[in-house]
Amino acid sequence: MIESILSQKEAKNGLHVNVIAAHIFNKTINLFEAPEHALNYEVLKKKVNAILSAEVKKKKGGKYLKVINPKTGKGRKGFYKMKSKKI
């Protein structure tokens, strides 16, 4: 689901983890009938952040990148985007 959200045209410049988790939470809230089985938003946000940060740290085969702040040249905290495919 993360890949489908970040591959949309609106997410070309990257999205924050909170926005990605909110999209996933809103899509999956209807999948669970009983409220006790529903996934907590904070838990979901931590899992999404863990997945994205692990993918960024991969040397080869990672799908995601951190968004770079043009003023400082460092990665923006919590912002991720898809790697562009080379043709």
N, C-alpha and C. Protein backbone atom coordinates (compact mmCIF):
# COMPACT_ATOMS: atom_id res chain seq x y z
N MET A 1 0.82 -1.19 0.00
CA MET A 1 0.00 0.00 0.00
C MET A 1 0.87 1.26 0.00
N ILE A 2 2.02 1.18 0.64
CA ILE A 2 2.91 2.34 0.66
C ILE A 2 3.36 2.66 -0.76
N GLU A 3 3.70 1.63 -1.51
CA GLU A 3 4.16 1.84 -2.87
C GLU A 3 3.07 2.45 -3.73
N SER A 4 1.84 2.02 -3.58
CA SER A 4 0.75 2.57 -4.39
C SER A 4 0.48 4.03 -4.03
N ILE A 5 0.65 4.40 -2.78
CA ILE A 5 0.44 5.79 -2.37
C ILE A 5 1.56 6.68 -2.90
N LEU A 6 2.80 6.23 -2.77
CA LEU A 6 3.93 7.05 -3.20
C LEU A 6 4.11 7.07 -4.72
N SER A 7 3.49 6.14 -5.44
CA SER A 7 3.62 6.13 -6.89
C SER A 7 2.60 7.02 -7.58
N GLN A 8 1.70 7.62 -6.83
CA GLN A 8 0.72 8.54 -7.42
C GLN A 8 1.41 9.82 -7.85
N LYS A 9 0.80 10.50 -8.80
CA LYS A 9 1.40 11.71 -9.36
C LYS A 9 1.52 12.82 -8.31
N GLU A 10 0.57 12.90 -7.38
CA GLU A 10 0.60 13.94 -6.35
C GLU A 10 1.76 13.76 -5.38
N ALA A 11 2.29 12.54 -5.28
CA ALA A 11 3.37 12.25 -4.34
C ALA A 11 4.73 12.27 -5.01
N LYS A 12 4.83 12.88 -6.15
CA LYS A 12 6.09 12.91 -6.91
C LYS A 12 7.22 13.56 -6.10
N ASN A 13 6.89 14.60 -5.35
CA ASN A 13 7.90 15.30 -4.56
C ASN A 13 8.04 14.76 -3.15
N GLY A 14 7.30 13.70 -2.84
CA GLY A 14 7.40 13.05 -1.54
C GLY A 14 6.25 13.39 -0.62
N LEU A 15 6.03 12.52 0.36
CA LEU A 15 4.99 12.70 1.37
C LEU A 15 5.57 12.41 2.75
N HIS A 16 4.94 13.00 3.76
CA HIS A 16 5.35 12.76 5.13
C HIS A 16 4.76 11.43 5.61
N VAL A 17 5.41 10.82 6.58
CA VAL A 17 4.97 9.54 7.13
C VAL A 17 3.54 9.65 7.67
N ASN A 18 3.20 10.77 8.29
CA ASN A 18 1.85 10.94 8.84
C ASN A 18 0.80 10.88 7.74
N VAL A 19 1.08 11.47 6.60
CA VAL A 19 0.13 11.48 5.48
C VAL A 19 -0.01 10.08 4.89
N ILE A 20 1.11 9.38 4.75
CA ILE A 20 1.08 8.01 4.21
C ILE A 20 0.29 7.11 5.15
N ALA A 21 0.54 7.21 6.45
CA ALA A 21 -0.17 6.39 7.43
C ALA A 21 -1.66 6.73 7.45
N ALA A 22 -2.00 8.00 7.29
CA ALA A 22 -3.41 8.39 7.28
C ALA A 22 -4.13 7.80 6.07
N HIS A 23 -3.47 7.79 4.90
CA HIS A 23 -4.07 7.18 3.71
C HIS A 23 -4.32 5.69 3.94
N ILE A 24 -3.34 5.01 4.47
CA ILE A 24 -3.48 3.57 4.72
C ILE A 24 -4.55 3.31 5.77
N PHE A 25 -4.56 4.11 6.82
CA PHE A 25 -5.54 3.94 7.89
C PHE A 25 -6.97 4.13 7.37
N ASN A 26 -7.16 5.15 6.53
CA ASN A 26 -8.49 5.41 5.98
C ASN A 26 -8.94 4.33 5.02
N LYS A 27 -8.00 3.72 4.30
CA LYS A 27 -8.36 2.65 3.37
C LYS A 27 -8.65 1.35 4.10
N THR A 28 -7.96 1.08 5.20
CA THR A 28 -8.11 -0.21 5.88
C THR A 28 -9.12 -0.17 7.02
N ILE A 29 -9.63 0.99 7.39
CA ILE A 29 -10.56 1.08 8.51
C ILE A 29 -11.83 0.28 8.23
N ASN A 30 -12.22 0.17 6.96
CA ASN A 30 -13.43 -0.56 6.61
C ASN A 30 -13.19 -2.06 6.48
N LEU A 31 -11.96 -2.51 6.48
CA LEU A 31 -11.67 -3.92 6.36
C LEU A 31 -11.99 -4.70 7.63
N PHE A 32 -11.92 -4.02 8.75
CA PHE A 32 -12.14 -4.68 10.03
C PHE A 32 -13.54 -4.36 10.54
N GLU A 33 -14.29 -5.39 10.87
CA GLU A 33 -15.66 -5.19 11.34
C GLU A 33 -15.70 -4.86 12.83
N ALA A 34 -14.95 -5.59 13.62
CA ALA A 34 -14.96 -5.37 15.06
C ALA A 34 -13.93 -4.32 15.44
N PRO A 35 -14.30 -3.35 16.28
CA PRO A 35 -13.35 -2.29 16.65
C PRO A 35 -12.13 -2.80 17.41
N GLU A 36 -12.25 -3.93 18.11
CA GLU A 36 -11.09 -4.43 18.85
C GLU A 36 -10.03 -5.00 17.93
N HIS A 37 -10.40 -5.31 16.68
CA HIS A 37 -9.43 -5.82 15.72
C HIS A 37 -8.85 -4.70 14.84
N ALA A 38 -9.39 -3.53 14.96
CA ALA A 38 -8.93 -2.41 14.14
C ALA A 38 -7.51 -2.02 14.54
N LEU A 39 -6.71 -1.66 13.54
CA LEU A 39 -5.33 -1.28 13.78
C LEU A 39 -5.28 0.15 14.30
N ASN A 40 -4.55 0.36 15.36
CA ASN A 40 -4.40 1.68 15.95
C ASN A 40 -3.56 2.55 15.02
N TYR A 41 -3.93 3.82 14.88
CA TYR A 41 -3.23 4.73 13.98
C TYR A 41 -1.77 4.91 14.39
N GLU A 42 -1.50 5.07 15.67
CA GLU A 42 -0.12 5.28 16.12
C GLU A 42 0.75 4.07 15.84
N VAL A 43 0.21 2.88 16.03
CA VAL A 43 0.96 1.65 15.75
C VAL A 43 1.24 1.55 14.26
N LEU A 44 0.23 1.88 13.45
CA LEU A 44 0.39 1.85 12.00
C LEU A 44 1.45 2.85 11.55
N LYS A 45 1.45 4.03 12.12
CA LYS A 45 2.42 5.06 11.76
C LYS A 45 3.84 4.61 12.09
N LYS A 46 4.03 3.96 13.23
CA LYS A 46 5.36 3.47 13.61
C LYS A 46 5.82 2.37 12.66
N LYS A 47 4.90 1.49 12.25
CA LYS A 47 5.26 0.42 11.33
C LYS A 47 5.62 0.96 9.95
N VAL A 48 4.86 1.94 9.47
CA VAL A 48 5.16 2.55 8.17
C VAL A 48 6.51 3.24 8.22
N ASN A 49 6.78 3.96 9.29
CA ASN A 49 8.06 4.64 9.43
C ASN A 49 9.21 3.64 9.48
N ALA A 50 9.03 2.52 10.18
CA ALA A 50 10.07 1.50 10.26
C ALA A 50 10.34 0.88 8.89
N ILE A 51 9.29 0.60 8.15
CA ILE A 51 9.44 0.02 6.81
C ILE A 51 10.18 0.97 5.89
N LEU A 52 9.77 2.23 5.89
CA LEU A 52 10.40 3.21 4.99
C LEU A 52 11.85 3.47 5.37
N SER A 53 12.15 3.60 6.65
CA SER A 53 13.53 3.88 7.04
C SER A 53 14.44 2.69 6.74
N ALA A 54 13.92 1.46 6.87
CA ALA A 54 14.72 0.28 6.54
C ALA A 54 14.98 0.20 5.04
N GLU A 55 13.98 0.57 4.23
CA GLU A 55 14.15 0.54 2.77
C GLU A 55 15.15 1.59 2.31
N VAL A 56 15.16 2.75 2.95
CA VAL A 56 16.09 3.82 2.56
C VAL A 56 17.52 3.41 2.86
N LYS A 57 17.74 2.66 3.93
CA LYS A 57 19.09 2.26 4.33
C LYS A 57 19.67 1.14 3.49
N LYS A 58 18.84 0.47 2.68
CA LYS A 58 19.34 -0.62 1.84
C LYS A 58 20.31 -0.07 0.81
N LYS A 59 21.38 -0.79 0.58
CA LYS A 59 22.37 -0.38 -0.42
C LYS A 59 21.87 -0.66 -1.84
N LYS A 60 21.26 -1.84 -2.02
CA LYS A 60 20.76 -2.22 -3.33
C LYS A 60 19.31 -2.66 -3.21
N GLY A 61 18.52 -2.33 -4.21
CA GLY A 61 17.16 -2.82 -4.27
C GLY A 61 16.14 -2.03 -3.48
N GLY A 62 16.52 -0.93 -2.86
CA GLY A 62 15.56 -0.12 -2.13
C GLY A 62 14.64 0.63 -3.10
N LYS A 63 13.39 0.78 -2.72
CA LYS A 63 12.41 1.43 -3.59
C LYS A 63 12.21 2.90 -3.24
N TYR A 64 12.60 3.30 -2.05
CA TYR A 64 12.26 4.63 -1.55
C TYR A 64 13.50 5.46 -1.25
N LEU A 65 13.33 6.78 -1.29
CA LEU A 65 14.38 7.74 -0.97
C LEU A 65 13.85 8.76 0.02
N LYS A 66 14.75 9.33 0.80
CA LYS A 66 14.36 10.47 1.63
C LYS A 66 14.36 11.71 0.75
N VAL A 67 13.45 12.62 1.02
CA VAL A 67 13.38 13.88 0.29
C VAL A 67 14.49 14.77 0.83
N ILE A 68 15.27 15.34 -0.07
CA ILE A 68 16.42 16.18 0.30
C ILE A 68 15.98 17.63 0.42
N ASN A 69 16.38 18.27 1.53
CA ASN A 69 16.12 19.69 1.73
C ASN A 69 17.15 20.46 0.90
N PRO A 70 16.72 21.31 -0.05
CA PRO A 70 17.68 22.00 -0.92
C PRO A 70 18.57 23.01 -0.19
N LYS A 71 18.11 23.55 0.92
CA LYS A 71 18.90 24.53 1.65
C LYS A 71 20.04 23.89 2.42
N THR A 72 19.79 22.75 3.05
CA THR A 72 20.80 22.12 3.88
C THR A 72 21.50 20.95 3.20
N GLY A 73 20.86 20.37 2.20
CA GLY A 73 21.44 19.22 1.52
C GLY A 73 21.26 17.91 2.28
N LYS A 74 20.50 17.94 3.36
CA LYS A 74 20.24 16.74 4.16
C LYS A 74 18.81 16.28 3.93
N GLY A 75 18.53 15.06 4.35
CA GLY A 75 17.19 14.51 4.22
C GLY A 75 16.20 15.20 5.14
N ARG A 76 15.00 15.46 4.63
CA ARG A 76 13.95 16.05 5.45
C ARG A 76 13.37 14.97 6.36
N LYS A 77 13.17 15.30 7.60
CA LYS A 77 12.73 14.34 8.60
C LYS A 77 11.29 13.87 8.31
N GLY A 78 11.14 12.57 8.07
CA GLY A 78 9.83 11.98 7.88
C GLY A 78 9.28 12.04 6.46
N PHE A 79 10.00 12.61 5.51
CA PHE A 79 9.53 12.73 4.13
C PHE A 79 10.21 11.69 3.25
N TYR A 80 9.39 10.96 2.48
CA TYR A 80 9.89 9.91 1.60
C TYR A 80 9.25 10.03 0.23
N LYS A 81 9.94 9.49 -0.79
CA LYS A 81 9.40 9.43 -2.14
C LYS A 81 9.93 8.17 -2.82
N MET A 82 9.34 7.84 -3.96
CA MET A 82 9.75 6.68 -4.74
C MET A 82 11.03 7.03 -5.50
N LYS A 83 11.88 6.02 -5.71
CA LYS A 83 13.04 6.20 -6.55
C LYS A 83 12.57 6.33 -8.00
N SER A 84 13.20 7.19 -8.75
CA SER A 84 12.84 7.30 -10.16
C SER A 84 13.50 6.17 -10.92
N LYS A 85 12.77 5.62 -11.88
CA LYS A 85 13.27 4.50 -12.66
C LYS A 85 14.12 5.04 -13.80
N LYS A 86 15.29 4.47 -13.97
CA LYS A 86 16.18 4.86 -15.06
C LYS A 86 15.79 4.11 -16.31
N ILE A 87 15.76 4.82 -17.41
CA ILE A 87 15.40 4.21 -18.70
C ILE A 87 16.63 4.05 -19.55
